[in-house]
Amino acid sequence: MQKSRHFLLISLCALALGCGKSSADVLLAPNATESGGPPPDTDYLQTKTSGYGFTQIETARNNPIVALRTILMVPPLPTDSGTLFFSVGLQPGGQNFDPIDNGVLEPVLTWGPSCAPNSPSAPFTSWWIAAQYVNTYGNYSGYTGCHSGDGMFVEEGDPLSIHFSLDGTVWHQSVENLRDGASVGFDLDMLGQTQNYAHFWLNPVSAEPVADGEFASTTITFAEPERDACAPIQRGHNDFFSNPEPSPDGTQCSIDRIVLRAQGVPASTQN
């Protein structure tokens, strides 16, 4: 049986050093009391509202995601000496789930230490980002644990252009800092395993954010037309996204702005 994606999010916390309150814990909390109300541009959607700092899009099992582009704006530095993640990721939900099992392809903007093999020796110097693959369920050789390409330091306010693309069975991840042109990447052959979930995630493992996580100019490409997939199926209580816009042929979904908020961070009046 295919394992829950939410259980994978919890397992990522175990790979971070100094695991405290994880976003997976609040994501699944059934009695959350804070609510910013429905985002003003999405009243027409029946999007599930649950937890904080997690927005997700799902495609049909036989219609995988084949590309994703977005721009992550680097937020101000946290004040805690713990671990905080902002990420956009792809997870399986369709064909060829095994033998690899449940993992996540994701560039991760990190404050503090993490499981990434190329983590910096001084993780509290600055924000840093690396393209990664994390799989804590499977035992298939070469796909277990945490894998990544090179990491790079980035600064508050930097726009990070993130791109996923599928070439045959190989997934390419790239991150380019549009301020200075620096870039990092990571390629991994997923052996035909399809990716049917795209998530945008704020994970306060053991450090709290001091500002929203913002993604701009997001475009998700599907293998086949699927206009109904052009809408998040879940968002956090105070998360915001602008109106999803399907392409005329139904193979792409564009969302101008996605804002993630942690529990206790009030909704902005300037959505």
C-alpha atoms as a PDB file:
ATOM      1  CA  MET A   1       0.000   0.000   0.000  1.00  0.00           C
ATOM      2  CA  GLN A   2       1.240   3.467  -0.826  1.00  0.00           C
ATOM      3  CA  LYS A   3       2.331   5.381   2.270  1.00  0.00           C
ATOM      4  CA  SER A   4       0.933   8.755   3.291  1.00  0.00           C
ATOM      5  CA  ARG A   5       2.807  11.817   2.095  1.00  0.00           C
ATOM      6  CA  HIS A   6       2.213  13.393   5.511  1.00  0.00           C
ATOM      7  CA  PHE A   7       4.161  10.576   7.181  1.00  0.00           C
ATOM      8  CA  LEU A   8       7.055  11.380   4.878  1.00  0.00           C
ATOM      9  CA  LEU A   9       6.983  15.000   6.011  1.00  0.00           C
ATOM     10  CA  ILE A  10       7.259  13.834   9.611  1.00  0.00           C
ATOM     11  CA  SER A  11      10.209  11.621   8.715  1.00  0.00           C
ATOM     12  CA  LEU A  12      12.081  14.577   7.220  1.00  0.00           C
ATOM     13  CA  CYS A  13      12.129  16.093  10.701  1.00  0.00           C
ATOM     14  CA  ALA A  14      14.048  13.065  11.943  1.00  0.00           C
ATOM     15  CA  LEU A  15      16.811  13.789   9.424  1.00  0.00           C
ATOM     16  CA  ALA A  16      17.251  17.377  10.622  1.00  0.00           C
ATOM     17  CA  LEU A  17      19.621  17.963  13.522  1.00  0.00           C
ATOM     18  CA  GLY A  18      17.845  19.059  16.675  1.00  0.00           C
ATOM     19  CA  CYS A  19      14.284  18.109  15.744  1.00  0.00           C
ATOM     20  CA  GLY A  20      11.687  20.020  17.742  1.00  0.00           C
ATOM     21  CA  LYS A  21       8.180  21.067  16.689  1.00  0.00           C
ATOM     22  CA  SER A  22       7.761  20.102  13.051  1.00  0.00           C
ATOM     23  CA  SER A  23       5.372  21.579  10.551  1.00  0.00           C
ATOM     24  CA  ALA A  24       4.062  18.073  10.026  1.00  0.00           C
ATOM     25  CA  ASP A  25       2.828  18.122  13.620  1.00  0.00           C
ATOM     26  CA  VAL A  26       0.779  21.269  13.090  1.00  0.00           C
ATOM     27  CA  LEU A  27      -0.175  20.229   9.562  1.00  0.00           C
ATOM     28  CA  LEU A  28      -2.146  17.301  10.935  1.00  0.00           C
ATOM     29  CA  ALA A  29      -3.492  19.078  14.035  1.00  0.00           C
ATOM     30  CA  PRO A  30      -7.293  18.633  13.921  1.00  0.00           C
ATOM     31  CA  ASN A  31      -8.196  21.478  16.276  1.00  0.00           C
ATOM     32  CA  ALA A  32      -6.228  24.442  14.956  1.00  0.00           C
ATOM     33  CA  THR A  33      -7.769  27.626  16.299  1.00  0.00           C
ATOM     34  CA  GLU A  34      -6.146  30.330  14.210  1.00  0.00           C
ATOM     35  CA  SER A  35      -7.698  31.181  10.882  1.00  0.00           C
ATOM     36  CA  GLY A  36      -7.175  34.008   8.472  1.00  0.00           C
ATOM     37  CA  GLY A  37     -10.342  33.050   6.597  1.00  0.00           C
ATOM     38  CA  PRO A  38     -10.433  32.024   2.949  1.00  0.00           C
ATOM     39  CA  PRO A  39      -7.922  33.744   0.673  1.00  0.00           C
ATOM     40  CA  PRO A  40      -9.681  36.580  -1.121  1.00  0.00           C
ATOM     41  CA  ASP A  41      -8.911  35.275  -4.609  1.00  0.00           C
ATOM     42  CA  THR A  42      -9.995  31.680  -4.015  1.00  0.00           C
ATOM     43  CA  ASP A  43     -13.533  31.822  -2.646  1.00  0.00           C
ATOM     44  CA  TYR A  44     -14.747  29.757  -5.590  1.00  0.00           C
ATOM     45  CA  LEU A  45     -12.566  26.777  -4.638  1.00  0.00           C
ATOM     46  CA  GLN A  46     -13.352  23.977  -2.202  1.00  0.00           C
ATOM     47  CA  THR A  47      -9.745  23.822  -1.025  1.00  0.00           C
ATOM     48  CA  LYS A  48      -9.158  21.840   2.153  1.00  0.00           C
ATOM     49  CA  THR A  49      -7.822  24.057   4.930  1.00  0.00           C
ATOM     50  CA  SER A  50      -5.540  22.287   7.388  1.00  0.00           C
ATOM     51  CA  GLY A  51      -2.527  23.157   9.502  1.00  0.00           C
ATOM     52  CA  TYR A  52      -0.074  25.907   8.639  1.00  0.00           C
ATOM     53  CA  GLY A  53       2.454  26.628   5.916  1.00  0.00           C
ATOM     54  CA  PHE A  54       1.619  23.846   3.473  1.00  0.00           C
ATOM     55  CA  THR A  55      -0.056  24.233   0.060  1.00  0.00           C
ATOM     56  CA  GLN A  56      -0.416  21.284  -2.305  1.00  0.00           C
ATOM     57  CA  ILE A  57      -1.538  20.501  -5.861  1.00  0.00           C
ATOM     58  CA  GLU A  58      -2.513  16.984  -7.004  1.00  0.00           C
ATOM     59  CA  THR A  59      -2.868  15.472 -10.483  1.00  0.00           C
ATOM     60  CA  ALA A  60      -4.649  12.317 -11.611  1.00  0.00           C
ATOM     61  CA  ARG A  61      -2.665   9.114 -11.069  1.00  0.00           C
ATOM     62  CA  ASN A  62      -2.266   8.585 -14.810  1.00  0.00           C
ATOM     63  CA  ASN A  63      -1.318  12.207 -15.529  1.00  0.00           C
ATOM     64  CA  PRO A  64       1.965  13.082 -13.816  1.00  0.00           C
ATOM     65  CA  ILE A  65       3.676  16.420 -13.412  1.00  0.00           C
ATOM     66  CA  VAL A  66       6.529  16.793 -15.918  1.00  0.00           C
ATOM     67  CA  ALA A  67       7.872  20.266 -15.068  1.00  0.00           C
ATOM     68  CA  LEU A  68       7.589  23.018 -12.479  1.00  0.00           C
ATOM     69  CA  ARG A  69       8.956  26.541 -12.285  1.00  0.00           C
ATOM     70  CA  THR A  70       8.683  29.005  -9.416  1.00  0.00           C
ATOM     71  CA  ILE A  71      10.571  31.863  -7.776  1.00  0.00           C
ATOM     72  CA  LEU A  72      11.201  31.654  -4.032  1.00  0.00           C
ATOM     73  CA  MET A  73      11.872  34.965  -2.314  1.00  0.00           C
ATOM     74  CA  VAL A  74      14.443  34.587   0.480  1.00  0.00           C
ATOM     75  CA  PRO A  75      12.855  35.835   3.735  1.00  0.00           C
ATOM     76  CA  PRO A  76      14.577  37.616   6.651  1.00  0.00           C
ATOM     77  CA  LEU A  77      16.880  35.541   8.843  1.00  0.00           C
ATOM     78  CA  PRO A  78      15.324  33.750  11.823  1.00  0.00           C
ATOM     79  CA  THR A  79      16.416  34.731  15.311  1.00  0.00           C
ATOM     80  CA  ASP A  80      16.510  31.128  16.618  1.00  0.00           C
ATOM     81  CA  SER A  81      19.555  28.864  16.391  1.00  0.00           C
ATOM     82  CA  GLY A  82      17.552  25.923  15.104  1.00  0.00           C
ATOM     83  CA  THR A  83      16.512  24.461  11.767  1.00  0.00           C
ATOM     84  CA  LEU A  84      13.938  26.050   9.450  1.00  0.00           C
ATOM     85  CA  PHE A  85      13.078  24.907   5.924  1.00  0.00           C
ATOM     86  CA  PHE A  86      11.235  26.495   3.006  1.00  0.00           C
ATOM     87  CA  SER A  87      10.814  24.185   0.038  1.00  0.00           C
ATOM     88  CA  VAL A  88       8.923  23.306  -3.104  1.00  0.00           C
ATOM     89  CA  GLY A  89       8.786  19.611  -3.849  1.00  0.00           C
ATOM     90  CA  LEU A  90       7.435  16.791  -5.984  1.00  0.00           C
ATOM     91  CA  GLN A  91       6.227  13.459  -4.619  1.00  0.00           C
ATOM     92  CA  PRO A  92       4.969  10.220  -6.212  1.00  0.00           C
ATOM     93  CA  GLY A  93       1.339   9.216  -6.412  1.00  0.00           C
ATOM     94  CA  GLY A  94       0.943   7.215  -9.590  1.00  0.00           C
ATOM     95  CA  GLN A  95       2.871   4.816 -11.774  1.00  0.00           C
ATOM     96  CA  ASN A  96       6.005   2.876 -10.784  1.00  0.00           C
ATOM     97  CA  PHE A  97       5.801   3.757  -7.105  1.00  0.00           C
ATOM     98  CA  ASP A  98       7.959   0.733  -6.291  1.00  0.00           C
ATOM     99  CA  PRO A  99      10.759  -0.185  -5.988  1.00  0.00           C
ATOM    100  CA  ILE A 100      11.853   3.326  -5.026  1.00  0.00           C
ATOM    101  CA  ASP A 101       8.979   3.962  -2.560  1.00  0.00           C
ATOM    102  CA  ASN A 102       7.967   7.367  -1.188  1.00  0.00           C
ATOM    103  CA  GLY A 103      10.528  10.164  -1.459  1.00  0.00           C
ATOM    104  CA  VAL A 104      10.530  13.852  -2.265  1.00  0.00           C
ATOM    105  CA  LEU A 105      12.457  15.809  -4.898  1.00  0.00           C
ATOM    106  CA  GLU A 106      12.930  19.295  -3.481  1.00  0.00           C
ATOM    107  CA  PRO A 107      15.259  22.268  -3.452  1.00  0.00           C
ATOM    108  CA  VAL A 108      15.327  23.292   0.228  1.00  0.00           C
ATOM    109  CA  LEU A 109      16.078  26.780   1.520  1.00  0.00           C
ATOM    110  CA  THR A 110      17.580  26.105   4.937  1.00  0.00           C
ATOM    111  CA  TRP A 111      18.476  27.959   8.088  1.00  0.00           C
ATOM    112  CA  GLY A 112      20.597  25.704  10.280  1.00  0.00           C
ATOM    113  CA  PRO A 113      21.878  22.141   9.833  1.00  0.00           C
ATOM    114  CA  SER A 114      20.123  19.427   7.835  1.00  0.00           C
ATOM    115  CA  CYS A 115      20.621  15.969   6.390  1.00  0.00           C
ATOM    116  CA  ALA A 116      21.941  17.278   3.058  1.00  0.00           C
ATOM    117  CA  PRO A 117      25.360  15.705   2.324  1.00  0.00           C
ATOM    118  CA  ASN A 118      26.783  19.087   1.292  1.00  0.00           C
ATOM    119  CA  SER A 119      25.519  21.088   4.270  1.00  0.00           C
ATOM    120  CA  PRO A 120      27.786  24.038   5.158  1.00  0.00           C
ATOM    121  CA  SER A 121      30.103  23.732   8.138  1.00  0.00           C
ATOM    122  CA  ALA A 122      28.750  27.041   9.522  1.00  0.00           C
ATOM    123  CA  PRO A 123      24.965  26.631   8.981  1.00  0.00           C
ATOM    124  CA  PHE A 124      23.991  29.765  10.932  1.00  0.00           C
ATOM    125  CA  THR A 125      26.051  32.103   8.779  1.00  0.00           C
ATOM    126  CA  SER A 126      23.275  32.678   6.261  1.00  0.00           C
ATOM    127  CA  TRP A 127      20.382  31.066   4.461  1.00  0.00           C
ATOM    128  CA  TRP A 128      21.612  28.327   2.120  1.00  0.00           C
ATOM    129  CA  ILE A 129      19.914  26.182  -0.513  1.00  0.00           C
ATOM    130  CA  ALA A 130      20.574  22.874  -2.260  1.00  0.00           C
ATOM    131  CA  ALA A 131      18.533  20.705  -4.617  1.00  0.00           C
ATOM    132  CA  GLN A 132      17.789  17.453  -2.793  1.00  0.00           C
ATOM    133  CA  TYR A 133      16.085  14.063  -2.753  1.00  0.00           C
ATOM    134  CA  VAL A 134      14.980  12.586   0.580  1.00  0.00           C
ATOM    135  CA  ASN A 135      13.551   9.090   1.054  1.00  0.00           C
ATOM    136  CA  THR A 136      13.258   7.664   4.571  1.00  0.00           C
ATOM    137  CA  TYR A 137      10.889   4.796   3.709  1.00  0.00           C
ATOM    138  CA  GLY A 138      12.389   2.799   0.886  1.00  0.00           C
ATOM    139  CA  ASN A 139      15.385   0.485   0.977  1.00  0.00           C
ATOM    140  CA  TYR A 140      16.163   0.459  -2.744  1.00  0.00           C
ATOM    141  CA  SER A 141      19.895   0.905  -3.254  1.00  0.00           C
ATOM    142  CA  GLY A 142      20.896   4.460  -4.162  1.00  0.00           C
ATOM    143  CA  TYR A 143      17.585   6.049  -3.175  1.00  0.00           C
ATOM    144  CA  THR A 144      17.526   5.758   0.615  1.00  0.00           C
ATOM    145  CA  GLY A 145      18.275   8.670   2.901  1.00  0.00           C
ATOM    146  CA  CYS A 146      19.228  12.184   1.897  1.00  0.00           C
ATOM    147  CA  HIS A 147      20.951  13.100  -1.393  1.00  0.00           C
ATOM    148  CA  SER A 148      21.807  16.520  -2.792  1.00  0.00           C
ATOM    149  CA  GLY A 149      23.877  18.551  -5.183  1.00  0.00           C
ATOM    150  CA  ASP A 150      26.102  21.434  -4.127  1.00  0.00           C
ATOM    151  CA  GLY A 151      24.694  24.070  -1.794  1.00  0.00           C
ATOM    152  CA  MET A 152      25.024  27.843  -2.001  1.00  0.00           C
ATOM    153  CA  PHE A 153      24.587  30.719   0.430  1.00  0.00           C
ATOM    154  CA  VAL A 154      21.905  33.285  -0.393  1.00  0.00           C
ATOM    155  CA  GLU A 155      20.801  36.587   1.113  1.00  0.00           C
ATOM    156  CA  GLU A 156      17.553  38.077   2.342  1.00  0.00           C
ATOM    157  CA  GLY A 157      15.505  39.350  -0.593  1.00  0.00           C
ATOM    158  CA  ASP A 158      17.219  37.186  -3.216  1.00  0.00           C
ATOM    159  CA  PRO A 159      14.830  35.822  -5.866  1.00  0.00           C
ATOM    160  CA  LEU A 160      15.633  32.132  -6.376  1.00  0.00           C
ATOM    161  CA  SER A 161      14.430  30.707  -9.685  1.00  0.00           C
ATOM    162  CA  ILE A 162      13.655  27.017  -9.127  1.00  0.00           C
ATOM    163  CA  HIS A 163      13.102  24.649 -12.044  1.00  0.00           C
ATOM    164  CA  PHE A 164      12.152  20.963 -12.168  1.00  0.00           C
ATOM    165  CA  SER A 165      12.202  19.223 -15.551  1.00  0.00           C
ATOM    166  CA  LEU A 166      11.852  15.616 -16.654  1.00  0.00           C
ATOM    167  CA  ASP A 167      14.132  14.220 -19.382  1.00  0.00           C
ATOM    168  CA  GLY A 168      13.223  10.598 -20.069  1.00  0.00           C
ATOM    169  CA  THR A 169      13.313   9.142 -16.558  1.00  0.00           C
ATOM    170  CA  VAL A 170      15.802  11.685 -15.140  1.00  0.00           C
ATOM    171  CA  TRP A 171      14.555  14.578 -13.027  1.00  0.00           C
ATOM    172  CA  HIS A 172      16.633  17.750 -13.214  1.00  0.00           C
ATOM    173  CA  GLN A 173      16.466  20.274 -10.383  1.00  0.00           C
ATOM    174  CA  SER A 174      18.099  23.678 -10.691  1.00  0.00           C
ATOM    175  CA  VAL A 175      18.207  26.790  -8.526  1.00  0.00           C
ATOM    176  CA  GLU A 176      19.464  30.121  -9.907  1.00  0.00           C
ATOM    177  CA  ASN A 177      19.905  33.248  -7.822  1.00  0.00           C
ATOM    178  CA  LEU A 178      18.520  35.965 -10.105  1.00  0.00           C
ATOM    179  CA  ARG A 179      20.469  38.611  -8.175  1.00  0.00           C
ATOM    180  CA  ASP A 180      23.948  37.367  -9.066  1.00  0.00           C
ATOM    181  CA  GLY A 181      23.462  34.440 -11.475  1.00  0.00           C
ATOM    182  CA  ALA A 182      24.905  31.803  -9.128  1.00  0.00           C
ATOM    183  CA  SER A 183      23.291  28.394  -9.512  1.00  0.00           C
ATOM    184  CA  VAL A 184      23.240  24.857  -8.169  1.00  0.00           C
ATOM    185  CA  GLY A 185      21.453  21.698  -9.276  1.00  0.00           C
ATOM    186  CA  PHE A 186      20.914  17.992  -8.848  1.00  0.00           C
ATOM    187  CA  ASP A 187      19.891  15.239 -11.297  1.00  0.00           C
ATOM    188  CA  LEU A 188      18.372  11.897 -10.357  1.00  0.00           C
ATOM    189  CA  ASP A 189      17.053   9.017 -12.449  1.00  0.00           C
ATOM    190  CA  MET A 190      13.681   8.109 -10.874  1.00  0.00           C
ATOM    191  CA  LEU A 191      13.350   4.954 -13.015  1.00  0.00           C
ATOM    192  CA  GLY A 192       9.973   5.932 -14.409  1.00  0.00           C
ATOM    193  CA  GLN A 193       8.354   6.680 -11.045  1.00  0.00           C
ATOM    194  CA  THR A 194       5.798   9.422 -11.700  1.00  0.00           C
ATOM    195  CA  GLN A 195       5.398  12.533  -9.556  1.00  0.00           C
ATOM    196  CA  ASN A 196       1.768  13.540  -8.999  1.00  0.00           C
ATOM    197  CA  TYR A 197       1.965  15.968  -6.066  1.00  0.00           C
ATOM    198  CA  ALA A 198       3.529  19.423  -5.923  1.00  0.00           C
ATOM    199  CA  HIS A 199       3.830  20.986  -2.496  1.00  0.00           C
ATOM    200  CA  PHE A 200       4.996  24.324  -1.129  1.00  0.00           C
ATOM    201  CA  TRP A 201       6.117  23.901   2.441  1.00  0.00           C
ATOM    202  CA  LEU A 202       7.253  25.951   5.440  1.00  0.00           C
ATOM    203  CA  ASN A 203       8.778  23.607   8.037  1.00  0.00           C
ATOM    204  CA  PRO A 204       9.796  25.160  11.375  1.00  0.00           C
ATOM    205  CA  VAL A 205      11.678  22.096  12.674  1.00  0.00           C
ATOM    206  CA  SER A 206      13.338  23.860  15.605  1.00  0.00           C
ATOM    207  CA  ALA A 207      13.387  27.544  14.565  1.00  0.00           C
ATOM    208  CA  GLU A 208      10.454  29.863  13.888  1.00  0.00           C
ATOM    209  CA  PRO A 209      10.126  32.096  10.808  1.00  0.00           C
ATOM    210  CA  VAL A 210       9.869  35.840  11.283  1.00  0.00           C
ATOM    211  CA  ALA A 211       8.112  36.435   7.954  1.00  0.00           C
ATOM    212  CA  ASP A 212       6.026  34.709   5.305  1.00  0.00           C
ATOM    213  CA  GLY A 213       7.384  32.314   2.723  1.00  0.00           C
ATOM    214  CA  GLU A 214       6.566  33.663  -0.748  1.00  0.00           C
ATOM    215  CA  PHE A 215       6.645  31.938  -4.134  1.00  0.00           C
ATOM    216  CA  ALA A 216       6.055  33.915  -7.345  1.00  0.00           C
ATOM    217  CA  SER A 217       5.382  33.103 -10.997  1.00  0.00           C
ATOM    218  CA  THR A 218       4.683  29.413 -10.462  1.00  0.00           C
ATOM    219  CA  THR A 219       3.971  27.260 -13.533  1.00  0.00           C
ATOM    220  CA  ILE A 220       3.263  23.523 -13.291  1.00  0.00           C
ATOM    221  CA  THR A 221       3.192  21.389 -16.460  1.00  0.00           C
ATOM    222  CA  PHE A 222       1.213  18.145 -16.750  1.00  0.00           C
ATOM    223  CA  ALA A 223       1.793  15.254 -19.142  1.00  0.00           C
ATOM    224  CA  GLU A 224      -1.782  15.576 -20.444  1.00  0.00           C
ATOM    225  CA  PRO A 225      -4.458  18.287 -20.249  1.00  0.00           C
ATOM    226  CA  GLU A 226      -6.081  18.429 -16.795  1.00  0.00           C
ATOM    227  CA  ARG A 227      -7.729  21.765 -16.092  1.00  0.00           C
ATOM    228  CA  ASP A 228      -9.193  20.510 -12.795  1.00  0.00           C
ATOM    229  CA  ALA A 229      -5.683  20.002 -11.404  1.00  0.00           C
ATOM    230  CA  CYS A 230      -5.020  23.741 -11.656  1.00  0.00           C
ATOM    231  CA  ALA A 231      -6.038  24.443  -8.066  1.00  0.00           C
ATOM    232  CA  PRO A 232      -4.460  23.507  -4.740  1.00  0.00           C
ATOM    233  CA  ILE A 233      -6.286  20.716  -2.945  1.00  0.00           C
ATOM    234  CA  GLN A 234      -4.950  21.882   0.433  1.00  0.00           C
ATOM    235  CA  ARG A 235      -3.636  25.049   2.060  1.00  0.00           C
ATOM    236  CA  GLY A 236      -2.708  26.113   5.574  1.00  0.00           C
ATOM    237  CA  HIS A 237      -5.199  28.182   7.556  1.00  0.00           C
ATOM    238  CA  ASN A 238      -3.460  31.472   6.829  1.00  0.00           C
ATOM    239  CA  ASP A 239      -1.882  30.533   3.504  1.00  0.00           C
ATOM    240  CA  PHE A 240      -2.777  32.536   0.407  1.00  0.00           C
ATOM    241  CA  PHE A 241      -2.658  31.855  -3.305  1.00  0.00           C
ATOM    242  CA  SER A 242      -3.819  34.002  -6.202  1.00  0.00           C
ATOM    243  CA  ASN A 243      -6.276  32.643  -8.743  1.00  0.00           C
ATOM    244  CA  PRO A 244      -4.853  29.544 -10.474  1.00  0.00           C
ATOM    245  CA  GLU A 245      -4.948  29.992 -14.249  1.00  0.00           C
ATOM    246  CA  PRO A 246      -4.983  26.926 -16.534  1.00  0.00           C
ATOM    247  CA  SER A 247      -3.423  27.303 -19.966  1.00  0.00           C
ATOM    248  CA  PRO A 248      -5.806  27.244 -22.959  1.00  0.00           C
ATOM    249  CA  ASP A 249      -4.833  23.633 -23.736  1.00  0.00           C
ATOM    250  CA  GLY A 250      -5.077  22.532 -20.083  1.00  0.00           C
ATOM    251  CA  THR A 251      -1.515  21.226 -19.819  1.00  0.00           C
ATOM    252  CA  GLN A 252      -0.185  23.996 -17.572  1.00  0.00           C
ATOM    253  CA  CYS A 253      -1.266  25.736 -14.382  1.00  0.00           C
ATOM    254  CA  SER A 254      -0.001  29.199 -13.446  1.00  0.00           C
ATOM    255  CA  ILE A 255      -0.242  30.790  -9.994  1.00  0.00           C
ATOM    256  CA  ASP A 256       1.196  34.283  -9.658  1.00  0.00           C
ATOM    257  CA  ARG A 257       1.663  34.234  -5.884  1.00  0.00           C
ATOM    258  CA  ILE A 258       1.689  31.674  -3.073  1.00  0.00           C
ATOM    259  CA  VAL A 259       2.199  32.822   0.530  1.00  0.00           C
ATOM    260  CA  LEU A 260       2.903  30.396   3.379  1.00  0.00           C
ATOM    261  CA  ARG A 261       2.420  31.395   7.020  1.00  0.00           C
ATOM    262  CA  ALA A 262       3.420  29.549  10.165  1.00  0.00           C
ATOM    263  CA  GLN A 263       1.148  29.234  13.159  1.00  0.00           C
ATOM    264  CA  GLY A 264       1.213  32.499  15.084  1.00  0.00           C
ATOM    265  CA  VAL A 265       2.259  34.603  12.095  1.00  0.00           C
ATOM    266  CA  PRO A 266      -0.766  36.843  11.370  1.00  0.00           C
ATOM    267  CA  ALA A 267      -2.290  37.134   7.930  1.00  0.00           C
ATOM    268  CA  SER A 268      -1.039  40.124   5.981  1.00  0.00           C
ATOM    269  CA  THR A 269      -3.468  42.865   5.000  1.00  0.00           C
ATOM    270  CA  GLN A 270      -1.613  43.266   1.729  1.00  0.00           C
ATOM    271  CA  ASN A 271      -2.397  39.998  -0.063  1.00  0.00           C
END
